[in-house]
C-alpha atoms as a PDB file:
ATOM      1  CA  MET A   1      87.317  86.039 106.541  1.00  0.00           C
ATOM      2  CA  PRO A   2      84.667  85.452 109.248  1.00  0.00           C
ATOM      3  CA  GLU A   3      84.226  81.720 109.758  1.00  0.00           C
ATOM      4  CA  ASN A   4      80.765  81.792 111.341  1.00  0.00           C
ATOM      5  CA  LYS A   5      78.979  82.724 108.122  1.00  0.00           C
ATOM      6  CA  PRO A   6      78.510  80.547 105.022  1.00  0.00           C
ATOM      7  CA  ARG A   7      80.648  81.747 102.133  1.00  0.00           C
ATOM      8  CA  THR A   8      79.039  83.143  99.014  1.00  0.00           C
ATOM      9  CA  ARG A   9      79.928  81.961  95.530  1.00  0.00           C
ATOM     10  CA  ILE A  10      82.060  85.069  95.001  1.00  0.00           C
ATOM     11  CA  GLN A  11      83.858  84.541  98.314  1.00  0.00           C
ATOM     12  CA  LYS A  12      84.624  80.941  97.424  1.00  0.00           C
ATOM     13  CA  ARG A  13      85.892  82.021  94.015  1.00  0.00           C
ATOM     14  CA  ASN A  14      88.105  84.735  95.496  1.00  0.00           C
ATOM     15  CA  SER A  15      89.536  82.351  98.104  1.00  0.00           C
ATOM     16  CA  GLU A  16      90.403  79.864  95.363  1.00  0.00           C
ATOM     17  CA  THR A  17      91.916  82.639  93.246  1.00  0.00           C
ATOM     18  CA  ILE A  18      94.112  83.741  96.141  1.00  0.00           C
ATOM     19  CA  LEU A  19      95.289  80.206  96.873  1.00  0.00           C
ATOM     20  CA  ASP A  20      96.052  79.548  93.207  1.00  0.00           C
ATOM     21  CA  ALA A  21      98.017  82.796  92.953  1.00  0.00           C
ATOM     22  CA  ALA A  22      99.832  82.034  96.197  1.00  0.00           C
ATOM     23  CA  LEU A  23     100.783  78.612  94.879  1.00  0.00           C
ATOM     24  CA  ASP A  24     102.550  80.294  91.965  1.00  0.00           C
ATOM     25  CA  VAL A  25     104.305  82.811  94.215  1.00  0.00           C
ATOM     26  CA  PHE A  26     105.358  80.345  96.925  1.00  0.00           C
ATOM     27  CA  SER A  27     106.508  77.701  94.445  1.00  0.00           C
ATOM     28  CA  ARG A  28     108.749  80.285  92.743  1.00  0.00           C
ATOM     29  CA  ASN A  29     110.050  82.182  95.763  1.00  0.00           C
ATOM     30  CA  GLY A  30     109.593  79.941  98.790  1.00  0.00           C
ATOM     31  CA  PHE A  31     107.896  81.107 101.973  1.00  0.00           C
ATOM     32  CA  ARG A  32     110.559  83.631 102.926  1.00  0.00           C
ATOM     33  CA  GLY A  33     110.798  85.194  99.493  1.00  0.00           C
ATOM     34  CA  ALA A  34     107.056  85.502  98.947  1.00  0.00           C
ATOM     35  CA  THR A  35     105.132  88.602  99.996  1.00  0.00           C
ATOM     36  CA  LEU A  36     101.458  89.441 100.393  1.00  0.00           C
ATOM     37  CA  ASP A  37     101.897  92.184  97.788  1.00  0.00           C
ATOM     38  CA  GLN A  38     103.148  89.630  95.263  1.00  0.00           C
ATOM     39  CA  ILE A  39     100.246  87.298  95.994  1.00  0.00           C
ATOM     40  CA  ALA A  40      97.676  90.083  95.758  1.00  0.00           C
ATOM     41  CA  LYS A  41      99.114  91.240  92.425  1.00  0.00           C
ATOM     42  CA  GLU A  42      99.125  87.679  91.061  1.00  0.00           C
ATOM     43  CA  ALA A  43      95.506  87.233  92.184  1.00  0.00           C
ATOM     44  CA  GLY A  44      94.425  90.551  90.704  1.00  0.00           C
ATOM     45  CA  LEU A  45      93.157  91.772  94.072  1.00  0.00           C
ATOM     46  CA  SER A  46      94.067  94.590  96.409  1.00  0.00           C
ATOM     47  CA  LYS A  47      96.081  93.715  99.494  1.00  0.00           C
ATOM     48  CA  PRO A  48      93.230  94.777 101.854  1.00  0.00           C
ATOM     49  CA  ASN A  49      90.866  92.540  99.886  1.00  0.00           C
ATOM     50  CA  LEU A  50      93.292  89.638 100.187  1.00  0.00           C
ATOM     51  CA  LEU A  51      93.575  90.189 103.949  1.00  0.00           C
ATOM     52  CA  TYR A  52      89.784  89.960 104.237  1.00  0.00           C
ATOM     53  CA  TYR A  53      90.062  86.307 103.199  1.00  0.00           C
ATOM     54  CA  PHE A  54      93.365  85.388 104.815  1.00  0.00           C
ATOM     55  CA  PRO A  55      94.780  87.325 107.794  1.00  0.00           C
ATOM     56  CA  SER A  56      98.443  86.645 107.021  1.00  0.00           C
ATOM     57  CA  LYS A  57     100.990  85.096 104.695  1.00  0.00           C
ATOM     58  CA  VAL A  58     101.272  82.209 107.169  1.00  0.00           C
ATOM     59  CA  ALA A  59      97.522  81.531 106.924  1.00  0.00           C
ATOM     60  CA  ILE A  60      97.670  81.364 103.132  1.00  0.00           C
ATOM     61  CA  HIS A  61     100.735  79.136 103.174  1.00  0.00           C
ATOM     62  CA  ARG A  62      99.193  76.836 105.773  1.00  0.00           C
ATOM     63  CA  GLY A  63      96.037  76.516 103.696  1.00  0.00           C
ATOM     64  CA  LEU A  64      98.108  75.413 100.727  1.00  0.00           C
ATOM     65  CA  ILE A  65     100.226  73.016 102.788  1.00  0.00           C
ATOM     66  CA  ASP A  66      97.180  71.386 104.405  1.00  0.00           C
ATOM     67  CA  THR A  67      95.671  70.677 100.979  1.00  0.00           C
ATOM     68  CA  LEU A  68      99.022  69.594  99.570  1.00  0.00           C
ATOM     69  CA  MET A  69      99.754  67.128 102.357  1.00  0.00           C
ATOM     70  CA  ALA A  70      96.302  65.564 102.076  1.00  0.00           C
ATOM     71  CA  ASN A  71      96.775  64.972  98.338  1.00  0.00           C
ATOM     72  CA  TRP A  72     100.502  64.251  98.428  1.00  0.00           C
ATOM     73  CA  LEU A  73     100.135  61.293 100.799  1.00  0.00           C
ATOM     74  CA  ASP A  74      97.329  59.574  98.894  1.00  0.00           C
ATOM     75  CA  PRO A  75      99.654  57.646  96.519  1.00  0.00           C
ATOM     76  CA  LEU A  76     101.562  56.217  99.511  1.00  0.00           C
ATOM     77  CA  ARG A  77      98.345  55.345 101.313  1.00  0.00           C
ATOM     78  CA  GLU A  78      97.285  53.301  98.288  1.00  0.00           C
ATOM     79  CA  ILE A  79     100.075  50.741  98.747  1.00  0.00           C
ATOM     80  CA  ASP A  80      98.130  47.586  99.605  1.00  0.00           C
ATOM     81  CA  ALA A  81      99.732  45.171 102.057  1.00  0.00           C
ATOM     82  CA  ASP A  82      97.723  42.340 100.464  1.00  0.00           C
ATOM     83  CA  GLY A  83      98.834  43.159  96.926  1.00  0.00           C
ATOM     84  CA  GLU A  84     101.720  41.777  94.889  1.00  0.00           C
ATOM     85  CA  PRO A  85     104.771  43.524  96.376  1.00  0.00           C
ATOM     86  CA  VAL A  86     106.741  44.494  93.266  1.00  0.00           C
ATOM     87  CA  GLU A  87     103.584  45.626  91.473  1.00  0.00           C
ATOM     88  CA  GLU A  88     102.465  47.678  94.469  1.00  0.00           C
ATOM     89  CA  ILE A  89     105.765  49.537  94.725  1.00  0.00           C
ATOM     90  CA  VAL A  90     106.125  50.122  90.989  1.00  0.00           C
ATOM     91  CA  ALA A  91     102.552  51.411  90.897  1.00  0.00           C
ATOM     92  CA  TYR A  92     103.442  53.807  93.712  1.00  0.00           C
ATOM     93  CA  VAL A  93     106.481  55.033  91.765  1.00  0.00           C
ATOM     94  CA  LEU A  94     104.345  55.733  88.706  1.00  0.00           C
ATOM     95  CA  ARG A  95     101.657  57.491  90.750  1.00  0.00           C
ATOM     96  CA  LYS A  96     104.324  59.774  92.196  1.00  0.00           C
ATOM     97  CA  LEU A  97     105.678  60.491  88.720  1.00  0.00           C
ATOM     98  CA  ASP A  98     102.166  61.322  87.527  1.00  0.00           C
ATOM     99  CA  MET A  99     101.820  63.785  90.409  1.00  0.00           C
ATOM    100  CA  ALA A 100     105.114  65.437  89.434  1.00  0.00           C
ATOM    101  CA  ARG A 101     103.740  65.797  85.926  1.00  0.00           C
ATOM    102  CA  GLU A 102     100.301  67.071  86.901  1.00  0.00           C
ATOM    103  CA  TYR A 103     101.147  69.143  89.985  1.00  0.00           C
ATOM    104  CA  PRO A 104     104.620  70.670  89.488  1.00  0.00           C
ATOM    105  CA  ARG A 105     103.831  73.848  91.439  1.00  0.00           C
ATOM    106  CA  GLU A 106     102.733  71.835  94.462  1.00  0.00           C
ATOM    107  CA  SER A 107     105.918  69.768  94.312  1.00  0.00           C
ATOM    108  CA  ARG A 108     108.073  72.886  94.186  1.00  0.00           C
ATOM    109  CA  LEU A 109     106.097  74.447  97.035  1.00  0.00           C
ATOM    110  CA  PHE A 110     106.879  71.422  99.199  1.00  0.00           C
ATOM    111  CA  ALA A 111     110.526  71.311  98.086  1.00  0.00           C
ATOM    112  CA  ASN A 112     111.036  75.006  98.884  1.00  0.00           C
ATOM    113  CA  GLU A 113     109.577  74.501 102.343  1.00  0.00           C
ATOM    114  CA  ILE A 114     111.854  71.520 103.044  1.00  0.00           C
ATOM    115  CA  VAL A 115     114.977  73.325 101.783  1.00  0.00           C
ATOM    116  CA  GLN A 116     114.235  76.137 104.231  1.00  0.00           C
ATOM    117  CA  GLY A 117     114.093  73.683 107.135  1.00  0.00           C
ATOM    118  CA  ALA A 118     110.347  72.969 107.046  1.00  0.00           C
ATOM    119  CA  PRO A 119     109.506  75.712 109.579  1.00  0.00           C
ATOM    120  CA  ASN A 120     105.802  75.677 108.721  1.00  0.00           C
ATOM    121  CA  ILE A 121     105.201  71.962 108.264  1.00  0.00           C
ATOM    122  CA  MET A 122     107.561  70.144 110.628  1.00  0.00           C
ATOM    123  CA  ASP A 123     104.585  69.243 112.803  1.00  0.00           C
ATOM    124  CA  LYS A 124     103.008  67.432 109.860  1.00  0.00           C
ATOM    125  CA  ILE A 125     106.274  65.726 108.910  1.00  0.00           C
ATOM    126  CA  GLU A 126     106.881  64.450 112.427  1.00  0.00           C
ATOM    127  CA  ASP A 127     103.266  63.363 112.866  1.00  0.00           C
ATOM    128  CA  GLU A 128     101.161  62.499 109.821  1.00  0.00           C
ATOM    129  CA  LEU A 129     103.947  61.854 107.324  1.00  0.00           C
ATOM    130  CA  LYS A 130     106.171  59.897 109.728  1.00  0.00           C
ATOM    131  CA  THR A 131     103.258  57.728 110.862  1.00  0.00           C
ATOM    132  CA  LEU A 132     102.357  56.810 107.287  1.00  0.00           C
ATOM    133  CA  VAL A 133     105.960  56.165 106.235  1.00  0.00           C
ATOM    134  CA  ASP A 134     106.526  53.968 109.308  1.00  0.00           C
ATOM    135  CA  GLU A 135     103.389  52.009 108.433  1.00  0.00           C
ATOM    136  CA  LYS A 136     104.437  51.403 104.819  1.00  0.00           C
ATOM    137  CA  ALA A 137     108.049  50.668 105.797  1.00  0.00           C
ATOM    138  CA  ALA A 138     106.712  47.908 108.033  1.00  0.00           C
ATOM    139  CA  VAL A 139     104.746  46.482 105.093  1.00  0.00           C
ATOM    140  CA  ILE A 140     107.857  46.543 102.883  1.00  0.00           C
ATOM    141  CA  THR A 141     109.886  44.868 105.650  1.00  0.00           C
ATOM    142  CA  GLN A 142     107.299  42.098 105.876  1.00  0.00           C
ATOM    143  CA  TRP A 143     107.467  41.559 102.121  1.00  0.00           C
ATOM    144  CA  ILE A 144     111.263  41.318 102.339  1.00  0.00           C
ATOM    145  CA  ASP A 145     111.110  38.908 105.274  1.00  0.00           C
ATOM    146  CA  THR A 146     108.752  36.616 103.355  1.00  0.00           C
ATOM    147  CA  GLY A 147     111.005  36.630 100.291  1.00  0.00           C
ATOM    148  CA  HIS A 148     108.691  38.631  98.027  1.00  0.00           C
ATOM    149  CA  LEU A 149     111.148  41.526  97.628  1.00  0.00           C
ATOM    150  CA  ARG A 150     114.894  41.678  97.300  1.00  0.00           C
ATOM    151  CA  PRO A 151     116.366  42.917 100.626  1.00  0.00           C
ATOM    152  CA  THR A 152     116.658  46.683 100.848  1.00  0.00           C
ATOM    153  CA  ASP A 153     116.215  49.418 103.439  1.00  0.00           C
ATOM    154  CA  PRO A 154     112.504  50.340 103.295  1.00  0.00           C
ATOM    155  CA  TYR A 155     112.988  53.957 104.348  1.00  0.00           C
ATOM    156  CA  HIS A 156     115.721  54.624 101.826  1.00  0.00           C
ATOM    157  CA  LEU A 157     113.609  52.915  99.178  1.00  0.00           C
ATOM    158  CA  ILE A 158     110.785  55.393  99.871  1.00  0.00           C
ATOM    159  CA  PHE A 159     113.225  58.323  99.918  1.00  0.00           C
ATOM    160  CA  SER A 160     114.634  57.110  96.592  1.00  0.00           C
ATOM    161  CA  ILE A 161     111.168  57.006  95.061  1.00  0.00           C
ATOM    162  CA  TRP A 162     110.524  60.570  96.167  1.00  0.00           C
ATOM    163  CA  ALA A 163     113.871  61.688  94.738  1.00  0.00           C
ATOM    164  CA  THR A 164     113.503  59.973  91.364  1.00  0.00           C
ATOM    165  CA  THR A 165     109.945  61.159  90.749  1.00  0.00           C
ATOM    166  CA  GLN A 166     109.630  64.633  92.272  1.00  0.00           C
ATOM    167  CA  HIS A 167     112.915  65.544  90.568  1.00  0.00           C
ATOM    168  CA  TYR A 168     110.980  65.888  87.316  1.00  0.00           C
ATOM    169  CA  ALA A 169     108.913  68.710  88.819  1.00  0.00           C
ATOM    170  CA  ASP A 170     111.444  70.365  91.102  1.00  0.00           C
ATOM    171  CA  PHE A 171     114.271  70.438  88.521  1.00  0.00           C
ATOM    172  CA  ASP A 172     112.181  70.835  85.394  1.00  0.00           C
ATOM    173  CA  ALA A 173     114.305  73.694  84.040  1.00  0.00           C
ATOM    174  CA  GLN A 174     117.497  71.652  84.386  1.00  0.00           C
ATOM    175  CA  ILE A 175     115.964  68.639  82.651  1.00  0.00           C
ATOM    176  CA  ARG A 176     114.648  70.752  79.782  1.00  0.00           C
ATOM    177  CA  GLY A 177     118.007  72.500  79.449  1.00  0.00           C
ATOM    178  CA  ILE A 178     119.844  69.201  79.089  1.00  0.00           C
ATOM    179  CA  ILE A 179     117.575  67.005  76.968  1.00  0.00           C
ATOM    180  CA  THR A 180     115.306  69.664  75.375  1.00  0.00           C
ATOM    181  CA  PRO A 181     112.229  67.408  75.244  1.00  0.00           C
ATOM    182  CA  VAL A 182     109.291  68.084  72.969  1.00  0.00           C
ATOM    183  CA  GLY A 183     106.420  68.964  75.267  1.00  0.00           C
ATOM    184  CA  GLU A 184     106.360  66.423  78.083  1.00  0.00           C
ATOM    185  CA  THR A 185     107.659  63.378  76.235  1.00  0.00           C
ATOM    186  CA  HIS A 186     110.410  63.048  78.848  1.00  0.00           C
ATOM    187  CA  PHE A 187     107.779  61.944  81.355  1.00  0.00           C
ATOM    188  CA  ASP A 188     106.920  58.983  79.125  1.00  0.00           C
ATOM    189  CA  ASP A 189     110.611  58.115  78.896  1.00  0.00           C
ATOM    190  CA  ALA A 190     110.988  58.498  82.661  1.00  0.00           C
ATOM    191  CA  ARG A 191     108.000  56.248  83.232  1.00  0.00           C
ATOM    192  CA  LEU A 192     109.596  53.431  81.233  1.00  0.00           C
ATOM    193  CA  PHE A 193     112.997  53.942  82.876  1.00  0.00           C
ATOM    194  CA  LEU A 194     111.693  54.010  86.456  1.00  0.00           C
ATOM    195  CA  ASP A 195     109.396  51.028  85.890  1.00  0.00           C
ATOM    196  CA  THR A 196     112.343  48.990  84.602  1.00  0.00           C
ATOM    197  CA  MET A 197     114.785  50.177  87.283  1.00  0.00           C
ATOM    198  CA  TYR A 198     112.573  49.461  90.280  1.00  0.00           C
ATOM    199  CA  ARG A 199     111.415  46.085  88.936  1.00  0.00           C
ATOM    200  CA  ARG A 200     114.991  44.957  88.456  1.00  0.00           C
ATOM    201  CA  MET A 201     116.038  46.288  91.852  1.00  0.00           C
ATOM    202  CA  LEU A 202     113.172  44.730  93.809  1.00  0.00           C
ATOM    203  CA  THR A 203     112.391  41.435  92.108  1.00  0.00           C
ATOM    204  CA  PRO A 204     113.938  38.571  94.135  1.00  0.00           C
END
């Protein structure tokens, strides 16, 4: 869509419809398995109409990834170096679990991209994400050095938090097949479990 003209209300609505449809398609099929025809059908638009707003599958995917990365990193950014260490990390764990609960499609979109080697977002991983993780790992290291946290590898701690929270979005079908929860009660159980586990692991 031409970028030198302000978008109308209908254009904004159609762009949002396309991105929402694409999120469904990409989160199910990954980047390689998704097609413009699938996205257009999901959005209820013709393929030529879709291409008026986004010139390619890559452009749609990049639009989703840019928004995802901005939102996905916010919980990590919120870790406060001046806060109480155990509380700060446990709060981060629970924020990540809440995101898995509220944004499962976005989590699966990211997971699919990583499984395929991150061809479309490696620049963001090696730049924005790495910079933020390095910054927070340094904070965790300082907390360990001052005796406020039990010694642990800060990077593997962060990786563990990602694994134990995003799992509930990325492997939802497996979880539901095993424990057959009523609605989303398993998230409440997970919240209690993860809170207890990380407190016990990190408290000196």
